[in-house]
Amino acid sequence: MSRKVLQKDWLKNRAEFTKDSLLIKDHQVMQRWEVPYMKELAQVVTSKGGHILELGFGLGISAGFIQSSRSIEKHTIIEAHPDVVNYAFGLFPNPIKNGRMSILQGFWEDISPLLKDSSFDGIFFDTCPLDQETVFFHFLPFFKEAHRLLKDGGVFTYFSDEPKEISPKHLNFLKKAGFSKIDFKTCNVKPPKHCHYWNYNTIVVPIIHK
């Protein structure tokens, strides 16, 4: 199935928000156990202050942590699903109204190319894979875009699929994208037994500088 077909199918399905999770098309898009991980990732992406780009909104957990940083000036979010966009407007009406947060609706492949080179001080990638075939590599194509969009000295991080370290495969993709200052730490997490997308008690927090 082509990417465009997957995208159209994704948008046809309603987003279901529960107390602990976001579900779209039977996908577990995000769950509340991610709170400590989102906090760590937000600390990384806001470490340079300035203008932050976040790809994927989910439950808005990371967005909340990013907004709580006093060092940032602006926070741009790319989110494709209309139900999630509406949810975001409901969660953050004041930051959106005063311009500290803006939401660009669409898939990153369509929106990101419209953004100027060297526009952001920090970039955080956390979109949901649209099918099982792309679960473990859906973020790799964005690495080159991250390098293009980052200012010199800026920082890039992403929701990793690795529990203990950045693998040689990921390192290779990052280096091919132009990154050379690549580091990480790990975050302790406690996903519930019913979580389909993570079953380890640690997860990598990438810390990648341009």
N, C-alpha and C. Protein backbone atom coordinates (compact mmCIF):
# COMPACT_ATOMS: atom_id res chain seq x y z
N MET A 1 0.83 -1.18 0.00
CA MET A 1 0.00 0.00 0.00
C MET A 1 0.88 1.25 0.00
N SER A 2 0.60 2.20 -0.86
CA SER A 2 1.42 3.39 -0.97
C SER A 2 1.26 4.28 0.25
N ARG A 3 2.25 5.16 0.43
CA ARG A 3 2.21 6.09 1.56
C ARG A 3 0.98 6.98 1.50
N LYS A 4 0.64 7.48 0.31
CA LYS A 4 -0.51 8.37 0.16
C LYS A 4 -1.82 7.66 0.53
N VAL A 5 -1.93 6.40 0.14
CA VAL A 5 -3.13 5.63 0.48
C VAL A 5 -3.22 5.43 1.98
N LEU A 6 -2.09 5.12 2.60
CA LEU A 6 -2.05 4.95 4.05
C LEU A 6 -2.46 6.24 4.76
N GLN A 7 -1.99 7.37 4.24
CA GLN A 7 -2.31 8.65 4.84
C GLN A 7 -3.80 8.96 4.75
N LYS A 8 -4.40 8.72 3.59
CA LYS A 8 -5.83 8.97 3.42
C LYS A 8 -6.64 8.07 4.33
N ASP A 9 -6.22 6.83 4.45
CA ASP A 9 -6.92 5.88 5.32
C ASP A 9 -6.80 6.32 6.78
N TRP A 10 -5.64 6.81 7.16
CA TRP A 10 -5.39 7.26 8.53
C TRP A 10 -6.34 8.41 8.92
N LEU A 11 -6.51 9.34 7.99
CA LEU A 11 -7.33 10.52 8.27
C LEU A 11 -8.82 10.20 8.31
N LYS A 12 -9.22 9.09 7.71
CA LYS A 12 -10.63 8.70 7.72
C LYS A 12 -11.08 8.19 9.08
N ASN A 13 -10.14 7.74 9.89
CA ASN A 13 -10.45 7.14 11.18
C ASN A 13 -10.44 8.19 12.28
N ARG A 14 -11.42 8.13 13.15
CA ARG A 14 -11.51 9.08 14.25
C ARG A 14 -10.46 8.77 15.32
N ALA A 15 -9.99 9.82 15.96
CA ALA A 15 -9.07 9.67 17.09
C ALA A 15 -9.89 9.47 18.36
N GLU A 16 -9.49 8.49 19.15
CA GLU A 16 -10.19 8.19 20.39
C GLU A 16 -9.28 8.53 21.57
N PHE A 17 -9.71 9.50 22.37
CA PHE A 17 -8.94 9.91 23.54
C PHE A 17 -9.55 9.29 24.79
N THR A 18 -8.72 8.59 25.55
CA THR A 18 -9.16 8.03 26.83
C THR A 18 -8.33 8.68 27.93
N LYS A 19 -8.56 8.27 29.14
CA LYS A 19 -7.80 8.81 30.28
C LYS A 19 -6.31 8.56 30.13
N ASP A 20 -5.95 7.42 29.56
CA ASP A 20 -4.55 7.01 29.53
C ASP A 20 -3.96 6.85 28.15
N SER A 21 -4.73 7.10 27.09
CA SER A 21 -4.18 6.79 25.77
C SER A 21 -4.87 7.55 24.64
N LEU A 22 -4.22 7.50 23.48
CA LEU A 22 -4.78 7.97 22.23
C LEU A 22 -4.76 6.81 21.25
N LEU A 23 -5.92 6.52 20.66
CA LEU A 23 -6.05 5.43 19.69
C LEU A 23 -6.55 5.98 18.37
N ILE A 24 -5.93 5.55 17.28
CA ILE A 24 -6.40 5.86 15.93
C ILE A 24 -6.29 4.59 15.10
N LYS A 25 -7.41 4.17 14.52
CA LYS A 25 -7.42 2.99 13.67
C LYS A 25 -6.80 1.78 14.39
N ASP A 26 -7.18 1.58 15.63
CA ASP A 26 -6.70 0.48 16.46
C ASP A 26 -5.20 0.58 16.79
N HIS A 27 -4.57 1.67 16.40
CA HIS A 27 -3.17 1.90 16.76
C HIS A 27 -3.11 2.55 18.14
N GLN A 28 -2.22 2.07 18.97
CA GLN A 28 -1.92 2.75 20.23
C GLN A 28 -0.94 3.88 19.89
N VAL A 29 -1.46 5.06 19.65
CA VAL A 29 -0.63 6.18 19.21
C VAL A 29 0.23 6.70 20.36
N MET A 30 -0.37 6.80 21.55
CA MET A 30 0.38 7.31 22.70
C MET A 30 -0.31 6.86 23.98
N GLN A 31 0.49 6.67 25.04
CA GLN A 31 -0.05 6.30 26.34
C GLN A 31 0.63 7.11 27.44
N ARG A 32 -0.04 7.19 28.59
CA ARG A 32 0.42 8.04 29.68
C ARG A 32 1.71 7.55 30.34
N TRP A 33 2.09 6.29 30.15
CA TRP A 33 3.34 5.83 30.75
C TRP A 33 4.54 6.56 30.16
N GLU A 34 4.32 7.23 29.02
CA GLU A 34 5.42 7.95 28.37
C GLU A 34 5.80 9.27 29.05
N VAL A 35 5.06 9.68 30.08
CA VAL A 35 5.30 10.98 30.71
C VAL A 35 6.77 11.23 31.07
N PRO A 36 7.44 10.32 31.80
CA PRO A 36 8.85 10.60 32.13
C PRO A 36 9.76 10.66 30.90
N TYR A 37 9.44 9.88 29.89
CA TYR A 37 10.23 9.90 28.66
C TYR A 37 10.01 11.22 27.91
N MET A 38 8.75 11.66 27.82
CA MET A 38 8.46 12.92 27.16
C MET A 38 9.14 14.09 27.88
N LYS A 39 9.21 14.01 29.19
CA LYS A 39 9.88 15.06 29.96
C LYS A 39 11.36 15.13 29.61
N GLU A 40 12.00 13.97 29.50
CA GLU A 40 13.43 13.92 29.14
C GLU A 40 13.65 14.46 27.73
N LEU A 41 12.82 14.04 26.79
CA LEU A 41 12.96 14.50 25.41
C LEU A 41 12.72 16.00 25.30
N ALA A 42 11.74 16.50 26.06
CA ALA A 42 11.46 17.93 26.05
C ALA A 42 12.63 18.73 26.62
N GLN A 43 13.27 18.20 27.64
CA GLN A 43 14.44 18.88 28.21
C GLN A 43 15.57 18.97 27.19
N VAL A 44 15.72 17.92 26.40
CA VAL A 44 16.76 17.93 25.36
C VAL A 44 16.43 18.97 24.29
N VAL A 45 15.20 18.92 23.78
CA VAL A 45 14.86 19.77 22.62
C VAL A 45 14.79 21.25 22.99
N THR A 46 14.56 21.56 24.26
CA THR A 46 14.50 22.97 24.68
C THR A 46 15.82 23.46 25.26
N SER A 47 16.85 22.64 25.24
CA SER A 47 18.11 22.99 25.90
C SER A 47 18.81 24.19 25.28
N LYS A 48 18.49 24.50 24.02
CA LYS A 48 19.08 25.66 23.35
C LYS A 48 18.13 26.85 23.33
N GLY A 49 16.91 26.66 23.85
CA GLY A 49 15.92 27.72 23.82
C GLY A 49 15.45 28.01 22.41
N GLY A 50 15.00 29.24 22.18
CA GLY A 50 14.66 29.67 20.82
C GLY A 50 13.38 29.06 20.26
N HIS A 51 13.43 28.69 18.99
CA HIS A 51 12.28 28.20 18.24
C HIS A 51 12.33 26.67 18.16
N ILE A 52 11.28 26.02 18.64
CA ILE A 52 11.22 24.56 18.69
C ILE A 52 10.24 24.04 17.64
N LEU A 53 10.64 23.00 16.93
CA LEU A 53 9.75 22.29 16.01
C LEU A 53 9.45 20.92 16.58
N GLU A 54 8.16 20.62 16.73
CA GLU A 54 7.72 19.32 17.23
C GLU A 54 6.86 18.66 16.16
N LEU A 55 7.18 17.43 15.82
CA LEU A 55 6.43 16.70 14.81
C LEU A 55 5.63 15.59 15.48
N GLY A 56 4.31 15.72 15.46
CA GLY A 56 3.42 14.82 16.15
C GLY A 56 3.00 15.38 17.50
N PHE A 57 1.70 15.46 17.74
CA PHE A 57 1.20 16.05 18.99
C PHE A 57 0.78 14.99 20.00
N GLY A 58 0.10 13.94 19.54
CA GLY A 58 -0.34 12.88 20.45
C GLY A 58 -1.27 13.39 21.52
N LEU A 59 -0.95 13.11 22.78
CA LEU A 59 -1.73 13.56 23.92
C LEU A 59 -1.28 14.93 24.42
N GLY A 60 -0.28 15.49 23.76
CA GLY A 60 0.19 16.82 24.16
C GLY A 60 1.09 16.82 25.38
N ILE A 61 1.59 15.65 25.78
CA ILE A 61 2.43 15.56 26.97
C ILE A 61 3.74 16.32 26.76
N SER A 62 4.42 16.01 25.67
CA SER A 62 5.69 16.69 25.39
C SER A 62 5.46 18.17 25.12
N ALA A 63 4.36 18.50 24.46
CA ALA A 63 4.06 19.91 24.19
C ALA A 63 3.92 20.69 25.48
N GLY A 64 3.32 20.07 26.48
CA GLY A 64 3.19 20.72 27.78
C GLY A 64 4.53 20.99 28.42
N PHE A 65 5.42 20.01 28.35
CA PHE A 65 6.76 20.19 28.92
C PHE A 65 7.55 21.25 28.14
N ILE A 66 7.40 21.25 26.83
CA ILE A 66 8.09 22.25 26.01
C ILE A 66 7.59 23.65 26.34
N GLN A 67 6.28 23.79 26.46
CA GLN A 67 5.70 25.09 26.78
C GLN A 67 6.12 25.59 28.17
N SER A 68 6.41 24.65 29.07
CA SER A 68 6.81 25.04 30.43
C SER A 68 8.23 25.58 30.50
N SER A 69 9.00 25.42 29.42
CA SER A 69 10.37 25.92 29.39
C SER A 69 10.37 27.44 29.19
N ARG A 70 11.03 28.14 30.07
CA ARG A 70 11.10 29.60 29.97
C ARG A 70 12.08 30.06 28.90
N SER A 71 12.90 29.15 28.41
CA SER A 71 13.95 29.55 27.47
C SER A 71 13.46 29.59 26.02
N ILE A 72 12.31 28.98 25.74
CA ILE A 72 11.86 28.96 24.35
C ILE A 72 11.11 30.24 24.01
N GLU A 73 11.14 30.59 22.72
CA GLU A 73 10.44 31.77 22.24
C GLU A 73 9.19 31.39 21.45
N LYS A 74 9.30 30.30 20.69
CA LYS A 74 8.18 29.87 19.86
C LYS A 74 8.21 28.36 19.70
N HIS A 75 7.04 27.79 19.51
CA HIS A 75 6.88 26.33 19.46
C HIS A 75 5.94 25.99 18.31
N THR A 76 6.50 25.42 17.25
CA THR A 76 5.72 25.05 16.07
C THR A 76 5.50 23.54 16.06
N ILE A 77 4.25 23.14 15.84
CA ILE A 77 3.89 21.72 15.84
C ILE A 77 3.31 21.33 14.49
N ILE A 78 3.78 20.21 13.95
CA ILE A 78 3.20 19.63 12.74
C ILE A 78 2.37 18.42 13.15
N GLU A 79 1.09 18.42 12.84
CA GLU A 79 0.19 17.33 13.21
C GLU A 79 -0.80 17.10 12.08
N ALA A 80 -0.97 15.85 11.68
CA ALA A 80 -1.79 15.54 10.50
C ALA A 80 -3.27 15.33 10.81
N HIS A 81 -3.57 14.68 11.93
CA HIS A 81 -4.95 14.25 12.15
C HIS A 81 -5.82 15.40 12.67
N PRO A 82 -6.94 15.68 12.02
CA PRO A 82 -7.78 16.81 12.42
C PRO A 82 -8.32 16.70 13.84
N ASP A 83 -8.66 15.49 14.29
CA ASP A 83 -9.16 15.32 15.66
C ASP A 83 -8.08 15.68 16.68
N VAL A 84 -6.83 15.32 16.38
CA VAL A 84 -5.74 15.63 17.28
C VAL A 84 -5.45 17.13 17.27
N VAL A 85 -5.56 17.75 16.10
CA VAL A 85 -5.38 19.20 16.00
C VAL A 85 -6.43 19.91 16.86
N ASN A 86 -7.67 19.47 16.78
CA ASN A 86 -8.73 20.07 17.59
C ASN A 86 -8.46 19.87 19.08
N TYR A 87 -7.97 18.72 19.42
CA TYR A 87 -7.61 18.42 20.81
C TYR A 87 -6.52 19.37 21.29
N ALA A 88 -5.55 19.63 20.43
CA ALA A 88 -4.45 20.53 20.77
C ALA A 88 -4.97 21.96 21.02
N PHE A 89 -5.89 22.40 20.17
CA PHE A 89 -6.46 23.73 20.37
C PHE A 89 -7.22 23.83 21.69
N GLY A 90 -7.83 22.72 22.09
CA GLY A 90 -8.53 22.71 23.36
C GLY A 90 -7.60 22.71 24.56
N LEU A 91 -6.43 22.06 24.41
CA LEU A 91 -5.47 21.98 25.52
C LEU A 91 -4.67 23.26 25.70
N PHE A 92 -4.33 23.91 24.61
CA PHE A 92 -3.42 25.06 24.68
C PHE A 92 -4.01 26.31 24.01
N PRO A 93 -5.19 26.75 24.41
CA PRO A 93 -5.79 27.91 23.76
C PRO A 93 -4.98 29.19 23.93
N ASN A 94 -4.43 29.41 25.12
CA ASN A 94 -3.70 30.66 25.36
C ASN A 94 -2.37 30.74 24.61
N PRO A 95 -1.51 29.68 24.67
CA PRO A 95 -0.27 29.74 23.87
C PRO A 95 -0.52 29.89 22.38
N ILE A 96 -1.60 29.27 21.89
CA ILE A 96 -1.92 29.40 20.46
C ILE A 96 -2.41 30.82 20.16
N LYS A 97 -3.23 31.36 21.06
CA LYS A 97 -3.76 32.71 20.86
C LYS A 97 -2.65 33.76 20.87
N ASN A 98 -1.70 33.60 21.80
CA ASN A 98 -0.65 34.63 21.90
C ASN A 98 0.55 34.37 20.99
N GLY A 99 0.51 33.29 20.22
CA GLY A 99 1.55 33.04 19.23
C GLY A 99 2.76 32.27 19.72
N ARG A 100 2.75 31.85 20.98
CA ARG A 100 3.89 31.08 21.48
C ARG A 100 3.86 29.65 20.93
N MET A 101 2.68 29.20 20.53
CA MET A 101 2.52 27.89 19.90
C MET A 101 1.74 28.07 18.61
N SER A 102 2.18 27.39 17.55
CA SER A 102 1.42 27.37 16.31
C SER A 102 1.35 25.95 15.80
N ILE A 103 0.25 25.60 15.15
CA ILE A 103 0.04 24.24 14.66
C ILE A 103 -0.14 24.26 13.15
N LEU A 104 0.69 23.48 12.47
CA LEU A 104 0.60 23.32 11.02
C LEU A 104 -0.02 21.95 10.75
N GLN A 105 -1.20 21.93 10.14
CA GLN A 105 -1.90 20.67 9.93
C GLN A 105 -1.47 20.02 8.63
N GLY A 106 -1.02 18.76 8.74
CA GLY A 106 -0.60 18.00 7.58
C GLY A 106 0.45 16.99 7.97
N PHE A 107 0.79 16.11 7.04
CA PHE A 107 1.85 15.14 7.27
C PHE A 107 3.21 15.84 7.08
N TRP A 108 4.20 15.40 7.84
CA TRP A 108 5.49 16.10 7.81
C TRP A 108 6.11 16.11 6.42
N GLU A 109 5.87 15.05 5.66
CA GLU A 109 6.45 14.98 4.32
C GLU A 109 5.97 16.11 3.42
N ASP A 110 4.75 16.62 3.71
CA ASP A 110 4.19 17.72 2.92
C ASP A 110 4.53 19.08 3.51
N ILE A 111 4.57 19.18 4.84
CA ILE A 111 4.77 20.46 5.52
C ILE A 111 6.25 20.83 5.64
N SER A 112 7.07 19.88 6.03
CA SER A 112 8.48 20.16 6.32
C SER A 112 9.22 20.81 5.15
N PRO A 113 9.03 20.35 3.91
CA PRO A 113 9.75 20.98 2.79
C PRO A 113 9.42 22.46 2.59
N LEU A 114 8.32 22.92 3.15
CA LEU A 114 7.93 24.32 3.01
C LEU A 114 8.64 25.22 4.02
N LEU A 115 9.32 24.62 5.00
CA LEU A 115 10.00 25.38 6.04
C LEU A 115 11.42 25.72 5.61
N LYS A 116 11.89 26.87 6.02
CA LYS A 116 13.19 27.37 5.59
C LYS A 116 14.36 26.64 6.27
N ASP A 117 15.48 26.59 5.59
CA ASP A 117 16.71 26.03 6.16
C ASP A 117 17.08 26.78 7.44
N SER A 118 17.68 26.05 8.36
CA SER A 118 18.25 26.64 9.59
C SER A 118 17.24 27.53 10.32
N SER A 119 16.02 27.00 10.50
CA SER A 119 14.95 27.78 11.12
C SER A 119 14.75 27.50 12.60
N PHE A 120 15.29 26.37 13.09
CA PHE A 120 14.91 25.94 14.43
C PHE A 120 16.13 25.67 15.32
N ASP A 121 15.95 25.96 16.60
CA ASP A 121 16.99 25.71 17.59
C ASP A 121 16.89 24.29 18.16
N GLY A 122 15.70 23.72 18.10
CA GLY A 122 15.49 22.36 18.58
C GLY A 122 14.40 21.68 17.79
N ILE A 123 14.57 20.40 17.49
CA ILE A 123 13.57 19.63 16.74
C ILE A 123 13.32 18.31 17.45
N PHE A 124 12.04 17.98 17.62
CA PHE A 124 11.64 16.72 18.26
C PHE A 124 10.69 15.99 17.33
N PHE A 125 11.08 14.77 16.92
CA PHE A 125 10.27 13.98 15.99
C PHE A 125 9.59 12.84 16.75
N ASP A 126 8.25 12.84 16.72
CA ASP A 126 7.50 11.77 17.39
C ASP A 126 6.16 11.57 16.70
N THR A 127 6.21 11.16 15.43
CA THR A 127 4.98 10.85 14.71
C THR A 127 4.70 9.35 14.81
N CYS A 128 3.46 8.98 14.56
CA CYS A 128 3.06 7.58 14.66
C CYS A 128 3.24 6.87 13.31
N PRO A 129 3.87 5.69 13.30
CA PRO A 129 3.93 4.92 12.05
C PRO A 129 2.53 4.53 11.62
N LEU A 130 2.26 4.59 10.33
CA LEU A 130 0.91 4.35 9.83
C LEU A 130 0.59 2.88 9.61
N ASP A 131 1.61 2.03 9.60
CA ASP A 131 1.37 0.59 9.49
C ASP A 131 2.52 -0.15 10.17
N GLN A 132 2.32 -1.44 10.37
CA GLN A 132 3.31 -2.24 11.10
C GLN A 132 4.64 -2.37 10.36
N GLU A 133 4.61 -2.22 9.04
CA GLU A 133 5.84 -2.37 8.27
C GLU A 133 6.84 -1.25 8.52
N THR A 134 6.33 -0.09 8.95
CA THR A 134 7.22 1.06 9.15
C THR A 134 7.49 1.38 10.61
N VAL A 135 7.04 0.52 11.53
CA VAL A 135 7.16 0.80 12.96
C VAL A 135 8.60 1.10 13.37
N PHE A 136 9.55 0.32 12.88
CA PHE A 136 10.91 0.42 13.38
C PHE A 136 11.86 1.26 12.53
N PHE A 137 11.33 2.00 11.56
CA PHE A 137 12.24 2.85 10.80
C PHE A 137 11.54 4.09 10.22
N HIS A 138 10.34 4.39 10.68
CA HIS A 138 9.57 5.47 10.07
C HIS A 138 10.21 6.84 10.27
N PHE A 139 11.06 6.99 11.29
CA PHE A 139 11.68 8.29 11.55
C PHE A 139 12.99 8.49 10.79
N LEU A 140 13.58 7.43 10.27
CA LEU A 140 14.88 7.54 9.61
C LEU A 140 14.87 8.51 8.42
N PRO A 141 13.82 8.53 7.58
CA PRO A 141 13.82 9.47 6.46
C PRO A 141 13.82 10.93 6.88
N PHE A 142 13.45 11.22 8.13
CA PHE A 142 13.40 12.61 8.57
C PHE A 142 14.76 13.15 8.98
N PHE A 143 15.75 12.30 9.18
CA PHE A 143 17.04 12.75 9.69
C PHE A 143 17.66 13.85 8.81
N LYS A 144 17.59 13.68 7.49
CA LYS A 144 18.16 14.70 6.59
C LYS A 144 17.41 16.02 6.72
N GLU A 145 16.09 15.94 6.87
CA GLU A 145 15.30 17.16 7.05
C GLU A 145 15.65 17.84 8.36
N ALA A 146 15.86 17.05 9.39
CA ALA A 146 16.23 17.62 10.69
C ALA A 146 17.53 18.41 10.57
N HIS A 147 18.50 17.86 9.87
CA HIS A 147 19.77 18.54 9.69
C HIS A 147 19.59 19.83 8.88
N ARG A 148 18.76 19.79 7.86
CA ARG A 148 18.51 20.97 7.04
C ARG A 148 17.82 22.08 7.84
N LEU A 149 16.86 21.70 8.66
CA LEU A 149 16.04 22.67 9.36
C LEU A 149 16.69 23.25 10.61
N LEU A 150 17.67 22.55 11.16
CA LEU A 150 18.33 23.01 12.38
C LEU A 150 19.31 24.14 12.12
N LYS A 151 19.36 25.07 13.06
CA LYS A 151 20.42 26.07 13.06
C LYS A 151 21.72 25.40 13.50
N ASP A 152 22.84 25.98 13.13
CA ASP A 152 24.12 25.49 13.63
C ASP A 152 24.13 25.55 15.15
N GLY A 153 24.50 24.45 15.78
CA GLY A 153 24.49 24.37 17.23
C GLY A 153 23.17 23.90 17.80
N GLY A 154 22.16 23.73 16.92
CA GLY A 154 20.84 23.27 17.37
C GLY A 154 20.86 21.80 17.76
N VAL A 155 19.76 21.36 18.38
CA VAL A 155 19.69 19.99 18.90
C VAL A 155 18.48 19.26 18.33
N PHE A 156 18.67 18.00 18.02
CA PHE A 156 17.62 17.14 17.46
C PHE A 156 17.45 15.92 18.35
N THR A 157 16.20 15.54 18.60
CA THR A 157 15.92 14.30 19.31
C THR A 157 14.67 13.66 18.71
N TYR A 158 14.42 12.42 19.06
CA TYR A 158 13.27 11.70 18.49
C TYR A 158 12.87 10.55 19.40
N PHE A 159 11.62 10.10 19.27
CA PHE A 159 11.14 8.93 20.01
C PHE A 159 11.86 7.72 19.44
N SER A 160 12.75 7.15 20.24
CA SER A 160 13.60 6.06 19.76
C SER A 160 12.86 4.72 19.80
N ASP A 161 13.37 3.77 19.03
CA ASP A 161 12.87 2.39 19.13
C ASP A 161 13.95 1.48 19.69
N GLU A 162 14.88 2.08 20.46
CA GLU A 162 16.01 1.33 20.99
C GLU A 162 16.08 1.47 22.51
N PRO A 163 16.23 0.38 23.24
CA PRO A 163 16.15 0.44 24.70
C PRO A 163 17.42 0.86 25.43
N LYS A 164 18.61 0.63 24.84
CA LYS A 164 19.82 0.83 25.61
C LYS A 164 20.88 1.71 24.96
N GLU A 165 20.92 1.75 23.64
CA GLU A 165 21.93 2.56 22.97
C GLU A 165 21.51 2.82 21.53
N ILE A 166 22.15 3.81 20.91
CA ILE A 166 21.88 4.08 19.49
C ILE A 166 22.63 3.04 18.66
N SER A 167 21.91 2.33 17.84
CA SER A 167 22.48 1.23 17.07
C SER A 167 23.36 1.73 15.93
N PRO A 168 24.26 0.88 15.41
CA PRO A 168 25.06 1.25 14.25
C PRO A 168 24.20 1.69 13.06
N LYS A 169 23.03 1.08 12.90
CA LYS A 169 22.14 1.45 11.79
C LYS A 169 21.69 2.89 11.93
N HIS A 170 21.25 3.26 13.12
CA HIS A 170 20.80 4.63 13.34
C HIS A 170 21.96 5.60 13.23
N LEU A 171 23.11 5.23 13.78
CA LEU A 171 24.30 6.07 13.68
C LEU A 171 24.65 6.35 12.23
N ASN A 172 24.55 5.31 11.40
CA ASN A 172 24.87 5.45 9.99
C ASN A 172 23.93 6.44 9.30
N PHE A 173 22.63 6.33 9.59
CA PHE A 173 21.65 7.24 9.00
C PHE A 173 21.89 8.67 9.48
N LEU A 174 22.21 8.84 10.77
CA LEU A 174 22.46 10.17 11.31
C LEU A 174 23.70 10.80 10.67
N LYS A 175 24.75 10.00 10.51
CA LYS A 175 25.98 10.52 9.91
C LYS A 175 25.77 10.86 8.44
N LYS A 176 25.01 10.02 7.73
CA LYS A 176 24.72 10.31 6.32
C LYS A 176 23.89 11.59 6.18
N ALA A 177 23.09 11.89 7.21
CA ALA A 177 22.29 13.11 7.19
C ALA A 177 23.12 14.34 7.47
N GLY A 178 24.35 14.14 7.96
CA GLY A 178 25.24 15.26 8.22
C GLY A 178 25.60 15.48 9.68
N PHE A 179 25.02 14.67 10.57
CA PHE A 179 25.29 14.83 12.00
C PHE A 179 26.59 14.13 12.39
N SER A 180 27.35 14.75 13.26
CA SER A 180 28.58 14.14 13.77
C SER A 180 28.64 14.15 15.30
N LYS A 181 27.89 15.06 15.92
CA LYS A 181 27.86 15.16 17.39
C LYS A 181 26.66 14.40 17.90
N ILE A 182 26.86 13.10 18.12
CA ILE A 182 25.76 12.20 18.44
C ILE A 182 25.96 11.60 19.82
N ASP A 183 25.01 11.80 20.69
CA ASP A 183 25.09 11.28 22.05
C ASP A 183 23.70 10.78 22.47
N PHE A 184 23.62 10.19 23.64
CA PHE A 184 22.33 9.72 24.14
C PHE A 184 22.42 9.45 25.64
N LYS A 185 21.26 9.31 26.24
CA LYS A 185 21.15 8.77 27.59
C LYS A 185 19.95 7.85 27.59
N THR A 186 19.70 7.17 28.68
CA THR A 186 18.54 6.29 28.74
C THR A 186 17.56 6.80 29.80
N CYS A 187 16.30 6.47 29.60
CA CYS A 187 15.24 6.87 30.51
C CYS A 187 14.54 5.61 31.01
N ASN A 188 14.30 5.53 32.30
CA ASN A 188 13.56 4.41 32.88
C ASN A 188 12.06 4.62 32.66
N VAL A 189 11.39 3.58 32.19
CA VAL A 189 9.95 3.66 31.93
C VAL A 189 9.27 2.40 32.44
N LYS A 190 7.94 2.49 32.60
CA LYS A 190 7.15 1.35 33.07
C LYS A 190 5.91 1.18 32.20
N PRO A 191 6.08 0.69 30.96
CA PRO A 191 4.91 0.48 30.12
C PRO A 191 4.03 -0.64 30.67
N PRO A 192 2.72 -0.51 30.55
CA PRO A 192 1.82 -1.57 31.04
C PRO A 192 1.89 -2.80 30.13
N LYS A 193 1.40 -3.91 30.63
CA LYS A 193 1.44 -5.16 29.86
C LYS A 193 0.65 -5.07 28.57
N HIS A 194 -0.38 -4.25 28.55
CA HIS A 194 -1.20 -4.16 27.33
C HIS A 194 -0.62 -3.21 26.28
N CYS A 195 0.54 -2.63 26.55
CA CYS A 195 1.17 -1.76 25.55
C CYS A 195 1.74 -2.60 24.42
N HIS A 196 1.36 -2.27 23.19
CA HIS A 196 1.78 -3.04 22.03
C HIS A 196 3.11 -2.58 21.45
N TYR A 197 3.53 -1.35 21.74
CA TYR A 197 4.66 -0.79 21.03
C TYR A 197 5.93 -0.66 21.87
N TRP A 198 5.88 -0.97 23.16
CA TRP A 198 7.10 -0.94 23.96
C TRP A 198 6.98 -1.91 25.13
N ASN A 199 8.01 -2.75 25.31
CA ASN A 199 7.97 -3.73 26.41
C ASN A 199 9.30 -3.83 27.14
N TYR A 200 10.07 -2.74 27.13
CA TYR A 200 11.32 -2.67 27.88
C TYR A 200 11.16 -1.68 29.03
N ASN A 201 12.08 -1.73 30.00
CA ASN A 201 12.00 -0.79 31.12
C ASN A 201 12.97 0.39 30.96
N THR A 202 13.62 0.47 29.81
CA THR A 202 14.43 1.64 29.46
C THR A 202 14.21 1.98 28.00
N ILE A 203 14.54 3.23 27.64
CA ILE A 203 14.42 3.67 26.26
C ILE A 203 15.43 4.79 26.03
N VAL A 204 16.00 4.82 24.85
CA VAL A 204 17.04 5.78 24.53
C VAL A 204 16.48 7.19 24.33
N VAL A 205 17.20 8.16 24.87
CA VAL A 205 16.92 9.59 24.64
C VAL A 205 18.03 10.13 23.76
N PRO A 206 17.81 10.26 22.45
CA PRO A 206 18.86 10.75 21.55
C PRO A 206 19.18 12.23 21.81
N ILE A 207 20.46 12.58 21.77
CA ILE A 207 20.91 13.97 21.95
C ILE A 207 21.88 14.27 20.80
N ILE A 208 21.37 14.91 19.76
CA ILE A 208 22.12 15.05 18.51
C ILE A 208 22.26 16.53 18.17
N HIS A 209 23.48 17.02 18.07
CA HIS A 209 23.72 18.42 17.79
C HIS A 209 24.22 18.61 16.36
N LYS A 210 23.85 19.73 15.79
CA LYS A 210 24.34 20.09 14.46
C LYS A 210 25.60 20.94 14.59
